[in-house]
Structures are given as structure tokens and as C-alpha cells.
Amino acid sequence: MAATAEALRVAEDAINTQGFVTEKELPDLKDRDYTRELSAELTKAREKKQEKGYIYAEPFDFAGGEIENIVWNMDQIKTRADAKQTLATDMGLKMPETTLSEVDKTEF
């Protein structure tokens, strides 16, 4: 499913305003393939306008098995960890707790 001109406008506005776009602005971002296609289309549009900013998209796992997608400008949100935290804050999601098994705790 390709992004409409309206979806691209909404995404571009959100990225220019806050540095990212989530399902709050575009419910279709629930679909991982759509998210990737939107990211690629945003990159092409920005290149044509000679706008700066590397656009990136990624799904992240959260507590309770929740998986959410975010598209962000890496010139504004510098790392994947920052993007995940931004997504968690924006969507009200809980970060997963990392637990290590006894084997993983063993140092060699």
C-alpha cells in the first residue's frame, strides 16, 4: 500500500515539527511494510527539495509484546535508543525489562 499525497504531507509536517511521525499521526504506520515505504518516499521527496535530514524507520518492541513503528529524522533524533524512547514517550508505552539468564551472566 503506497502512501497517499496527504499521508506524505502529514508525515513531512510531523517530521519537520517534532522530528518523527508515529501511528498517532498516521494509523497506517501499524503496518511495517507501509512504514518502510513511507520512509523511502519521504527520503525521495526530501532529496528533490534538497532538504537535510536522514529519514529512518524501524519497529521497536515494548513491554507486553507491543510492537510499534516510528519514522524519524536522524539529524534530530540521533540514535536508535533515542528513537525508541521518543516512541515510548509519545505512545505511552512501557520499555521492556531486560533480564539475563544465569548463563548470560557468566563471564569467561
PDB file of N, CA and C in Angstrom:
ATOM      1  N   MET A   1       0.855  -1.171   0.000  1.00  0.00           N
ATOM      2  CA  MET A   1       0.000   0.000   0.000  1.00  0.00           C
ATOM      3  C   MET A   1       0.897   1.228   0.000  1.00  0.00           C
ATOM      4  N   ALA A   2       0.811   2.004  -1.030  1.00  0.00           N
ATOM      5  CA  ALA A   2       1.631   3.210  -1.149  1.00  0.00           C
ATOM      6  C   ALA A   2       0.999   4.365  -0.377  1.00  0.00           C
ATOM      7  N   ALA A   3       1.844   5.218   0.117  1.00  0.00           N
ATOM      8  CA  ALA A   3       1.376   6.385   0.867  1.00  0.00           C
ATOM      9  C   ALA A   3       0.723   7.386  -0.090  1.00  0.00           C
ATOM     10  N   THR A   4      -0.368   7.966   0.349  1.00  0.00           N
ATOM     11  CA  THR A   4      -1.048   8.993  -0.442  1.00  0.00           C
ATOM     12  C   THR A   4      -0.295  10.316  -0.302  1.00  0.00           C
ATOM     13  N   ALA A   5      -0.640  11.253  -1.158  1.00  0.00           N
ATOM     14  CA  ALA A   5      -0.042  12.586  -1.069  1.00  0.00           C
ATOM     15  C   ALA A   5      -0.374  13.212   0.280  1.00  0.00           C
ATOM     16  N   GLU A   6      -1.575  12.982   0.780  1.00  0.00           N
ATOM     17  CA  GLU A   6      -1.983  13.529   2.084  1.00  0.00           C
ATOM     18  C   GLU A   6      -1.159  12.901   3.220  1.00  0.00           C
ATOM     19  N   ALA A   7      -0.928  11.596   3.143  1.00  0.00           N
ATOM     20  CA  ALA A   7      -0.124  10.921   4.171  1.00  0.00           C
ATOM     21  C   ALA A   7       1.306  11.460   4.158  1.00  0.00           C
ATOM     22  N   LEU A   8       1.854  11.665   2.978  1.00  0.00           N
ATOM     23  CA  LEU A   8       3.204  12.227   2.874  1.00  0.00           C
ATOM     24  C   LEU A   8       3.254  13.628   3.465  1.00  0.00           C
ATOM     25  N   ARG A   9       2.225  14.428   3.229  1.00  0.00           N
ATOM     26  CA  ARG A   9       2.182  15.783   3.785  1.00  0.00           C
ATOM     27  C   ARG A   9       2.115  15.743   5.303  1.00  0.00           C
ATOM     28  N   VAL A  10       1.267  14.869   5.844  1.00  0.00           N
ATOM     29  CA  VAL A  10       1.137  14.733   7.293  1.00  0.00           C
ATOM     30  C   VAL A  10       2.465  14.283   7.898  1.00  0.00           C
ATOM     31  N   ALA A  11       3.093  13.286   7.286  1.00  0.00           N
ATOM     32  CA  ALA A  11       4.367  12.771   7.791  1.00  0.00           C
ATOM     33  C   ALA A  11       5.451  13.841   7.725  1.00  0.00           C
ATOM     34  N   GLU A  12       5.533  14.535   6.615  1.00  0.00           N
ATOM     35  CA  GLU A  12       6.537  15.591   6.446  1.00  0.00           C
ATOM     36  C   GLU A  12       6.333  16.697   7.486  1.00  0.00           C
ATOM     37  N   ASP A  13       5.089  17.092   7.697  1.00  0.00           N
ATOM     38  CA  ASP A  13       4.794  18.123   8.699  1.00  0.00           C
ATOM     39  C   ASP A  13       5.232  17.679  10.092  1.00  0.00           C
ATOM     40  N   ALA A  14       4.912  16.429  10.443  1.00  0.00           N
ATOM     41  CA  ALA A  14       5.279  15.911  11.770  1.00  0.00           C
ATOM     42  C   ALA A  14       6.792  15.844  11.925  1.00  0.00           C
ATOM     43  N   ILE A  15       7.479  15.364  10.913  1.00  0.00           N
ATOM     44  CA  ILE A  15       8.942  15.254  10.988  1.00  0.00           C
ATOM     45  C   ILE A  15       9.579  16.637  11.079  1.00  0.00           C
ATOM     46  N   ASN A  16       9.057  17.595  10.318  1.00  0.00           N
ATOM     47  CA  ASN A  16       9.610  18.953  10.377  1.00  0.00           C
ATOM     48  C   ASN A  16       9.314  19.636  11.715  1.00  0.00           C
ATOM     49  N   THR A  17       8.203  19.292  12.330  1.00  0.00           N
ATOM     50  CA  THR A  17       7.796  19.916  13.593  1.00  0.00           C
ATOM     51  C   THR A  17       8.446  19.259  14.805  1.00  0.00           C
ATOM     52  N   GLN A  18       8.360  17.912  14.857  1.00  0.00           N
ATOM     53  CA  GLN A  18       8.808  17.209  16.064  1.00  0.00           C
ATOM     54  C   GLN A  18       9.961  16.238  15.835  1.00  0.00           C
ATOM     55  N   GLY A  19      10.325  16.017  14.591  1.00  0.00           N
ATOM     56  CA  GLY A  19      11.445  15.133  14.290  1.00  0.00           C
ATOM     57  C   GLY A  19      11.056  13.694  14.041  1.00  0.00           C
ATOM     58  N   PHE A  20       9.768  13.368  14.157  1.00  0.00           N
ATOM     59  CA  PHE A  20       9.321  11.993  13.964  1.00  0.00           C
ATOM     60  C   PHE A  20       7.838  11.960  13.632  1.00  0.00           C
ATOM     61  N   VAL A  21       7.399  10.799  13.161  1.00  0.00           N
ATOM     62  CA  VAL A  21       5.975  10.550  12.921  1.00  0.00           C
ATOM     63  C   VAL A  21       5.669   9.150  13.435  1.00  0.00           C
ATOM     64  N   THR A  22       4.513   9.010  14.082  1.00  0.00           N
ATOM     65  CA  THR A  22       4.086   7.717  14.623  1.00  0.00           C
ATOM     66  C   THR A  22       2.652   7.424  14.184  1.00  0.00           C
ATOM     67  N   GLU A  23       2.145   6.352  14.708  1.00  0.00           N
ATOM     68  CA  GLU A  23       0.781   5.922  14.454  1.00  0.00           C
ATOM     69  C   GLU A  23      -0.255   6.970  14.898  1.00  0.00           C
ATOM     70  N   LYS A  24       0.126   7.834  15.821  1.00  0.00           N
ATOM     71  CA  LYS A  24      -0.797   8.893  16.250  1.00  0.00           C
ATOM     72  C   LYS A  24      -1.175   9.780  15.073  1.00  0.00           C
ATOM     73  N   GLU A  25      -0.210  10.106  14.248  1.00  0.00           N
ATOM     74  CA  GLU A  25      -0.470  10.964  13.090  1.00  0.00           C
ATOM     75  C   GLU A  25      -0.981  10.154  11.898  1.00  0.00           C
ATOM     76  N   LEU A  26      -0.420   8.967  11.727  1.00  0.00           N
ATOM     77  CA  LEU A  26      -0.777   8.105  10.595  1.00  0.00           C
ATOM     78  C   LEU A  26      -1.039   6.676  11.090  1.00  0.00           C
ATOM     79  N   PRO A  27      -2.295   6.322  11.316  1.00  0.00           N
ATOM     80  CA  PRO A  27      -2.620   4.982  11.818  1.00  0.00           C
ATOM     81  C   PRO A  27      -2.065   3.842  10.956  1.00  0.00           C
ATOM     82  N   ASP A  28      -1.850   4.086   9.657  1.00  0.00           N
ATOM     83  CA  ASP A  28      -1.316   3.036   8.785  1.00  0.00           C
ATOM     84  C   ASP A  28       0.114   2.634   9.135  1.00  0.00           C
ATOM     85  N   LEU A  29       0.783   3.418   9.991  1.00  0.00           N
ATOM     86  CA  LEU A  29       2.141   3.058  10.414  1.00  0.00           C
ATOM     87  C   LEU A  29       2.158   1.790  11.265  1.00  0.00           C
ATOM     88  N   LYS A  30       0.997   1.267  11.586  1.00  0.00           N
ATOM     89  CA  LYS A  30       0.912  -0.015  12.296  1.00  0.00           C
ATOM     90  C   LYS A  30       1.524  -1.129  11.432  1.00  0.00           C
ATOM     91  N   ASP A  31       1.468  -0.947  10.118  1.00  0.00           N
ATOM     92  CA  ASP A  31       1.987  -1.925   9.158  1.00  0.00           C
ATOM     93  C   ASP A  31       3.462  -1.643   8.871  1.00  0.00           C
ATOM     94  N   ARG A  32       4.301  -2.606   9.137  1.00  0.00           N
ATOM     95  CA  ARG A  32       5.755  -2.433   8.985  1.00  0.00           C
ATOM     96  C   ARG A  32       6.160  -2.122   7.543  1.00  0.00           C
ATOM     97  N   ASP A  33       5.554  -2.821   6.578  1.00  0.00           N
ATOM     98  CA  ASP A  33       5.896  -2.584   5.176  1.00  0.00           C
ATOM     99  C   ASP A  33       5.488  -1.177   4.741  1.00  0.00           C
ATOM    100  N   TYR A  34       4.319  -0.741   5.176  1.00  0.00           N
ATOM    101  CA  TYR A  34       3.868   0.618   4.876  1.00  0.00           C
ATOM    102  C   TYR A  34       4.845   1.642   5.460  1.00  0.00           C
ATOM    103  N   THR A  35       5.294   1.391   6.683  1.00  0.00           N
ATOM    104  CA  THR A  35       6.232   2.297   7.343  1.00  0.00           C
ATOM    105  C   THR A  35       7.517   2.424   6.530  1.00  0.00           C
ATOM    106  N   ARG A  36       8.031   1.314   6.057  1.00  0.00           N
ATOM    107  CA  ARG A  36       9.259   1.340   5.246  1.00  0.00           C
ATOM    108  C   ARG A  36       9.043   2.084   3.929  1.00  0.00           C
ATOM    109  N   GLU A  37       7.897   1.833   3.288  1.00  0.00           N
ATOM    110  CA  GLU A  37       7.597   2.519   2.033  1.00  0.00           C
ATOM    111  C   GLU A  37       7.465   4.022   2.250  1.00  0.00           C
ATOM    112  N   LEU A  38       6.803   4.408   3.324  1.00  0.00           N
ATOM    113  CA  LEU A  38       6.649   5.823   3.641  1.00  0.00           C
ATOM    114  C   LEU A  38       8.013   6.468   3.864  1.00  0.00           C
ATOM    115  N   SER A  39       8.870   5.798   4.594  1.00  0.00           N
ATOM    116  CA  SER A  39      10.214   6.308   4.851  1.00  0.00           C
ATOM    117  C   SER A  39      10.966   6.533   3.543  1.00  0.00           C
ATOM    118  N   ALA A  40      10.893   5.574   2.640  1.00  0.00           N
ATOM    119  CA  ALA A  40      11.572   5.692   1.344  1.00  0.00           C
ATOM    120  C   ALA A  40      11.000   6.855   0.538  1.00  0.00           C
ATOM    121  N   GLU A  41       9.685   7.016   0.544  1.00  0.00           N
ATOM    122  CA  GLU A  41       9.055   8.107  -0.196  1.00  0.00           C
ATOM    123  C   GLU A  41       9.413   9.467   0.416  1.00  0.00           C
ATOM    124  N   LEU A  42       9.482   9.535   1.736  1.00  0.00           N
ATOM    125  CA  LEU A  42       9.883  10.776   2.395  1.00  0.00           C
ATOM    126  C   LEU A  42      11.320  11.141   2.034  1.00  0.00           C
ATOM    127  N   THR A  43      12.187  10.143   1.991  1.00  0.00           N
ATOM    128  CA  THR A  43      13.585  10.382   1.628  1.00  0.00           C
ATOM    129  C   THR A  43      13.671  10.937   0.211  1.00  0.00           C
ATOM    130  N   LYS A  44      12.946  10.331  -0.726  1.00  0.00           N
ATOM    131  CA  LYS A  44      12.958  10.809  -2.108  1.00  0.00           C
ATOM    132  C   LYS A  44      12.434  12.243  -2.195  1.00  0.00           C
ATOM    133  N   ALA A  45      11.358  12.525  -1.487  1.00  0.00           N
ATOM    134  CA  ALA A  45      10.766  13.866  -1.515  1.00  0.00           C
ATOM    135  C   ALA A  45      11.737  14.903  -0.954  1.00  0.00           C
ATOM    136  N   ARG A  46      12.429  14.542   0.118  1.00  0.00           N
ATOM    137  CA  ARG A  46      13.386  15.473   0.733  1.00  0.00           C
ATOM    138  C   ARG A  46      14.586  15.698  -0.180  1.00  0.00           C
ATOM    139  N   GLU A  47      15.021  14.652  -0.856  1.00  0.00           N
ATOM    140  CA  GLU A  47      16.141  14.799  -1.778  1.00  0.00           C
ATOM    141  C   GLU A  47      15.786  15.746  -2.920  1.00  0.00           C
ATOM    142  N   LYS A  48      14.567  15.637  -3.438  1.00  0.00           N
ATOM    143  CA  LYS A  48      14.130  16.517  -4.526  1.00  0.00           C
ATOM    144  C   LYS A  48      14.119  17.978  -4.073  1.00  0.00           C
ATOM    145  N   LYS A  49      13.767  18.203  -2.809  1.00  0.00           N
ATOM    146  CA  LYS A  49      13.713  19.567  -2.269  1.00  0.00           C
ATOM    147  C   LYS A  49      15.061  20.001  -1.699  1.00  0.00           C
ATOM    148  N   GLN A  50      16.033  19.101  -1.750  1.00  0.00           N
ATOM    149  CA  GLN A  50      17.365  19.333  -1.195  1.00  0.00           C
ATOM    150  C   GLN A  50      17.304  19.685   0.292  1.00  0.00           C
ATOM    151  N   GLU A  51      16.390  19.018   1.001  1.00  0.00           N
ATOM    152  CA  GLU A  51      16.287  19.196   2.450  1.00  0.00           C
ATOM    153  C   GLU A  51      17.255  18.260   3.136  1.00  0.00           C
ATOM    154  N   LYS A  52      17.806  18.727   4.233  1.00  0.00           N
ATOM    155  CA  LYS A  52      18.718  17.892   5.006  1.00  0.00           C
ATOM    156  C   LYS A  52      17.922  16.977   5.918  1.00  0.00           C
ATOM    157  N   GLY A  53      18.590  15.916   6.324  1.00  0.00           N
ATOM    158  CA  GLY A  53      17.983  15.004   7.277  1.00  0.00           C
ATOM    159  C   GLY A  53      17.861  13.614   6.699  1.00  0.00           C
ATOM    160  N   TYR A  54      18.451  12.675   7.397  1.00  0.00           N
ATOM    161  CA  TYR A  54      18.375  11.280   7.006  1.00  0.00           C
ATOM    162  C   TYR A  54      17.147  10.676   7.660  1.00  0.00           C
ATOM    163  N   ILE A  55      16.203  10.222   6.858  1.00  0.00           N
ATOM    164  CA  ILE A  55      14.954   9.658   7.370  1.00  0.00           C
ATOM    165  C   ILE A  55      15.141   8.152   7.554  1.00  0.00           C
ATOM    166  N   TYR A  56      14.724   7.669   8.708  1.00  0.00           N
ATOM    167  CA  TYR A  56      14.890   6.264   9.035  1.00  0.00           C
ATOM    168  C   TYR A  56      13.604   5.741   9.668  1.00  0.00           C
ATOM    169  N   ALA A  57      13.320   4.478   9.454  1.00  0.00           N
ATOM    170  CA  ALA A  57      12.129   3.847  10.028  1.00  0.00           C
ATOM    171  C   ALA A  57      12.530   2.538  10.694  1.00  0.00           C
ATOM    172  N   GLU A  58      11.879   2.252  11.802  1.00  0.00           N
ATOM    173  CA  GLU A  58      12.171   0.994  12.485  1.00  0.00           C
ATOM    174  C   GLU A  58      11.031   0.616  13.427  1.00  0.00           C
ATOM    175  N   PRO A  59      10.780  -0.706  13.533  1.00  0.00           N
ATOM    176  CA  PRO A  59       9.845  -1.177  14.553  1.00  0.00           C
ATOM    177  C   PRO A  59      10.609  -1.434  15.850  1.00  0.00           C
ATOM    178  N   PHE A  60       9.957  -1.186  16.975  1.00  0.00           N
ATOM    179  CA  PHE A  60      10.560  -1.449  18.281  1.00  0.00           C
ATOM    180  C   PHE A  60       9.603  -2.280  19.125  1.00  0.00           C
ATOM    181  N   ASP A  61      10.179  -3.154  19.949  1.00  0.00           N
ATOM    182  CA  ASP A  61       9.412  -3.991  20.871  1.00  0.00           C
ATOM    183  C   ASP A  61       9.296  -3.291  22.210  1.00  0.00           C
ATOM    184  N   PHE A  62       8.113  -3.413  22.811  1.00  0.00           N
ATOM    185  CA  PHE A  62       7.857  -2.836  24.125  1.00  0.00           C
ATOM    186  C   PHE A  62       7.255  -3.893  25.037  1.00  0.00           C
ATOM    187  N   ALA A  63       7.166  -3.554  26.310  1.00  0.00           N
ATOM    188  CA  ALA A  63       6.616  -4.483  27.304  1.00  0.00           C
ATOM    189  C   ALA A  63       5.226  -4.943  26.866  1.00  0.00           C
ATOM    190  N   GLY A  64       4.924  -6.182  27.181  1.00  0.00           N
ATOM    191  CA  GLY A  64       3.624  -6.740  26.839  1.00  0.00           C
ATOM    192  C   GLY A  64       3.527  -7.224  25.409  1.00  0.00           C
ATOM    193  N   GLY A  65       4.654  -7.288  24.723  1.00  0.00           N
ATOM    194  CA  GLY A  65       4.655  -7.781  23.345  1.00  0.00           C
ATOM    195  C   GLY A  65       4.225  -6.747  22.322  1.00  0.00           C
ATOM    196  N   GLU A  66       4.067  -5.510  22.742  1.00  0.00           N
ATOM    197  CA  GLU A  66       3.666  -4.417  21.859  1.00  0.00           C
ATOM    198  C   GLU A  66       4.805  -4.093  20.883  1.00  0.00           C
ATOM    199  N   ILE A  67       4.493  -4.007  19.600  1.00  0.00           N
ATOM    200  CA  ILE A  67       5.472  -3.613  18.585  1.00  0.00           C
ATOM    201  C   ILE A  67       4.913  -2.384  17.887  1.00  0.00           C
ATOM    202  N   GLU A  68       5.698  -1.327  17.859  1.00  0.00           N
ATOM    203  CA  GLU A  68       5.283  -0.072  17.232  1.00  0.00           C
ATOM    204  C   GLU A  68       6.368   0.421  16.290  1.00  0.00           C
ATOM    205  N   ASN A  69       5.949   1.146  15.257  1.00  0.00           N
ATOM    206  CA  ASN A  69       6.859   1.694  14.256  1.00  0.00           C
ATOM    207  C   ASN A  69       6.997   3.199  14.424  1.00  0.00           C
ATOM    208  N   ILE A  70       8.160   3.694  14.055  1.00  0.00           N
ATOM    209  CA  ILE A  70       8.428   5.129  14.054  1.00  0.00           C
ATOM    210  C   ILE A  70       9.268   5.455  12.831  1.00  0.00           C
ATOM    211  N   VAL A  71       9.008   6.622  12.260  1.00  0.00           N
ATOM    212  CA  VAL A  71       9.835   7.177  11.184  1.00  0.00           C
ATOM    213  C   VAL A  71      10.402   8.461  11.763  1.00  0.00           C
ATOM    214  N   TRP A  72      11.734   8.616  11.686  1.00  0.00           N
ATOM    215  CA  TRP A  72      12.327   9.802  12.294  1.00  0.00           C
ATOM    216  C   TRP A  72      13.469  10.366  11.476  1.00  0.00           C
ATOM    217  N   ASN A  73      13.771  11.630  11.772  1.00  0.00           N
ATOM    218  CA  ASN A  73      14.871  12.344  11.145  1.00  0.00           C
ATOM    219  C   ASN A  73      16.094  12.154  12.035  1.00  0.00           C
ATOM    220  N   MET A  74      17.097  11.465  11.519  1.00  0.00           N
ATOM    221  CA  MET A  74      18.279  11.160  12.325  1.00  0.00           C
ATOM    222  C   MET A  74      19.154  12.377  12.600  1.00  0.00           C
ATOM    223  N   ASP A  75      18.889  13.495  11.953  1.00  0.00           N
ATOM    224  CA  ASP A  75      19.591  14.730  12.299  1.00  0.00           C
ATOM    225  C   ASP A  75      19.004  15.342  13.567  1.00  0.00           C
ATOM    226  N   GLN A  76      17.773  14.955  13.904  1.00  0.00           N
ATOM    227  CA  GLN A  76      17.123  15.474  15.103  1.00  0.00           C
ATOM    228  C   GLN A  76      17.132  14.456  16.247  1.00  0.00           C
ATOM    229  N   ILE A  77      16.869  13.220  15.931  1.00  0.00           N
ATOM    230  CA  ILE A  77      16.902  12.131  16.917  1.00  0.00           C
ATOM    231  C   ILE A  77      18.070  11.254  16.490  1.00  0.00           C
ATOM    232  N   LYS A  78      19.155  11.339  17.221  1.00  0.00           N
ATOM    233  CA  LYS A  78      20.458  10.842  16.761  1.00  0.00           C
ATOM    234  C   LYS A  78      20.657   9.327  16.798  1.00  0.00           C
ATOM    235  N   THR A  79      20.010   8.633  17.743  1.00  0.00           N
ATOM    236  CA  THR A  79      20.282   7.204  17.898  1.00  0.00           C
ATOM    237  C   THR A  79      19.001   6.386  17.899  1.00  0.00           C
ATOM    238  N   ARG A  80      19.169   5.090  17.670  1.00  0.00           N
ATOM    239  CA  ARG A  80      18.030   4.169  17.743  1.00  0.00           C
ATOM    240  C   ARG A  80      17.446   4.164  19.151  1.00  0.00           C
ATOM    241  N   ALA A  81      18.314   4.197  20.163  1.00  0.00           N
ATOM    242  CA  ALA A  81      17.840   4.203  21.557  1.00  0.00           C
ATOM    243  C   ALA A  81      17.005   5.447  21.829  1.00  0.00           C
ATOM    244  N   ASP A  82      17.441   6.589  21.306  1.00  0.00           N
ATOM    245  CA  ASP A  82      16.660   7.820  21.473  1.00  0.00           C
ATOM    246  C   ASP A  82      15.327   7.723  20.739  1.00  0.00           C
ATOM    247  N   ALA A  83      15.339   7.115  19.555  1.00  0.00           N
ATOM    248  CA  ALA A  83      14.097   6.956  18.786  1.00  0.00           C
ATOM    249  C   ALA A  83      13.119   6.047  19.535  1.00  0.00           C
ATOM    250  N   LYS A  84      13.638   4.977  20.122  1.00  0.00           N
ATOM    251  CA  LYS A  84      12.776   4.069  20.880  1.00  0.00           C
ATOM    252  C   LYS A  84      12.176   4.780  22.084  1.00  0.00           C
ATOM    253  N   GLN A  85      12.985   5.555  22.790  1.00  0.00           N
ATOM    254  CA  GLN A  85      12.485   6.287  23.956  1.00  0.00           C
ATOM    255  C   GLN A  85      11.462   7.346  23.528  1.00  0.00           C
ATOM    256  N   THR A  86      11.719   8.014  22.421  1.00  0.00           N
ATOM    257  CA  THR A  86      10.784   9.006  21.893  1.00  0.00           C
ATOM    258  C   THR A  86       9.450   8.356  21.560  1.00  0.00           C
ATOM    259  N   LEU A  87       9.500   7.197  20.915  1.00  0.00           N
ATOM    260  CA  LEU A  87       8.286   6.456  20.565  1.00  0.00           C
ATOM    261  C   LEU A  87       7.536   6.023  21.816  1.00  0.00           C
ATOM    262  N   ALA A  88       8.267   5.506  22.798  1.00  0.00           N
ATOM    263  CA  ALA A  88       7.626   5.071  24.055  1.00  0.00           C
ATOM    264  C   ALA A  88       6.922   6.239  24.735  1.00  0.00           C
ATOM    265  N   THR A  89       7.592   7.369  24.798  1.00  0.00           N
ATOM    266  CA  THR A  89       7.014   8.551  25.437  1.00  0.00           C
ATOM    267  C   THR A  89       5.791   9.040  24.667  1.00  0.00           C
ATOM    268  N   ASP A  90       5.910   9.127  23.354  1.00  0.00           N
ATOM    269  CA  ASP A  90       4.823   9.634  22.519  1.00  0.00           C
ATOM    270  C   ASP A  90       3.586   8.743  22.574  1.00  0.00           C
ATOM    271  N   MET A  91       3.797   7.446  22.574  1.00  0.00           N
ATOM    272  CA  MET A  91       2.682   6.496  22.518  1.00  0.00           C
ATOM    273  C   MET A  91       2.266   5.972  23.893  1.00  0.00           C
ATOM    274  N   GLY A  92       2.969   6.388  24.940  1.00  0.00           N
ATOM    275  CA  GLY A  92       2.634   5.918  26.282  1.00  0.00           C
ATOM    276  C   GLY A  92       2.931   4.440  26.483  1.00  0.00           C
ATOM    277  N   LEU A  93       4.041   3.984  25.927  1.00  0.00           N
ATOM    278  CA  LEU A  93       4.424   2.573  26.006  1.00  0.00           C
ATOM    279  C   LEU A  93       5.477   2.368  27.080  1.00  0.00           C
ATOM    280  N   LYS A  94       5.504   1.169  27.622  1.00  0.00           N
ATOM    281  CA  LYS A  94       6.475   0.824  28.657  1.00  0.00           C
ATOM    282  C   LYS A  94       7.653   0.093  28.018  1.00  0.00           C
ATOM    283  N   MET A  95       8.841   0.553  28.377  1.00  0.00           N
ATOM    284  CA  MET A  95      10.055  -0.092  27.874  1.00  0.00           C
ATOM    285  C   MET A  95      10.136  -1.502  28.453  1.00  0.00           C
ATOM    286  N   PRO A  96      10.598  -2.460  27.662  1.00  0.00           N
ATOM    287  CA  PRO A  96      10.731  -3.822  28.178  1.00  0.00           C
ATOM    288  C   PRO A  96      11.874  -3.912  29.181  1.00  0.00           C
ATOM    289  N   GLU A  97      11.722  -4.795  30.123  1.00  0.00           N
ATOM    290  CA  GLU A  97      12.794  -5.032  31.093  1.00  0.00           C
ATOM    291  C   GLU A  97      13.709  -6.107  30.538  1.00  0.00           C
ATOM    292  N   THR A  98      14.996  -5.855  30.622  1.00  0.00           N
ATOM    293  CA  THR A  98      15.973  -6.825  30.149  1.00  0.00           C
ATOM    294  C   THR A  98      16.357  -7.726  31.307  1.00  0.00           C
ATOM    295  N   THR A  99      16.197  -9.012  31.113  1.00  0.00           N
ATOM    296  CA  THR A  99      16.605  -9.967  32.134  1.00  0.00           C
ATOM    297  C   THR A  99      17.572 -10.958  31.497  1.00  0.00           C
ATOM    298  N   LEU A 100      18.602 -11.265  32.219  1.00  0.00           N
ATOM    299  CA  LEU A 100      19.609 -12.199  31.735  1.00  0.00           C
ATOM    300  C   LEU A 100      19.476 -13.526  32.467  1.00  0.00           C
ATOM    301  N   SER A 101      19.650 -14.604  31.723  1.00  0.00           N
ATOM    302  CA  SER A 101      19.668 -15.919  32.351  1.00  0.00           C
ATOM    303  C   SER A 101      21.006 -16.082  33.075  1.00  0.00           C
ATOM    304  N   GLU A 102      21.125 -17.086  33.894  1.00  0.00           N
ATOM    305  CA  GLU A 102      22.374 -17.341  34.616  1.00  0.00           C
ATOM    306  C   GLU A 102      23.533 -17.553  33.644  1.00  0.00           C
ATOM    307  N   VAL A 103      23.272 -18.219  32.521  1.00  0.00           N
ATOM    308  CA  VAL A 103      24.310 -18.456  31.531  1.00  0.00           C
ATOM    309  C   VAL A 103      24.808 -17.129  30.960  1.00  0.00           C
ATOM    310  N   ASP A 104      23.875 -16.211  30.693  1.00  0.00           N
ATOM    311  CA  ASP A 104      24.263 -14.912  30.132  1.00  0.00           C
ATOM    312  C   ASP A 104      25.044 -14.070  31.122  1.00  0.00           C
ATOM    313  N   LYS A 105      24.906 -14.339  32.406  1.00  0.00           N
ATOM    314  CA  LYS A 105      25.611 -13.572  33.434  1.00  0.00           C
ATOM    315  C   LYS A 105      27.033 -14.076  33.660  1.00  0.00           C
ATOM    316  N   THR A 106      27.347 -15.254  33.154  1.00  0.00           N
ATOM    317  CA  THR A 106      28.665 -15.868  33.358  1.00  0.00           C
ATOM    318  C   THR A 106      29.711 -15.156  32.505  1.00  0.00           C
ATOM    319  N   GLU A 107      30.814 -14.793  33.175  1.00  0.00           N
ATOM    320  CA  GLU A 107      31.914 -14.169  32.449  1.00  0.00           C
ATOM    321  C   GLU A 107      32.974 -15.215  32.178  1.00  0.00           C
ATOM    322  N   PHE A 108      33.550 -15.179  31.020  1.00  0.00           N
ATOM    323  CA  PHE A 108      34.578 -16.142  30.635  1.00  0.00           C
ATOM    324  C   PHE A 108      35.922 -15.486  30.536  1.00  0.00           C
TER     325      PHE A 108
END
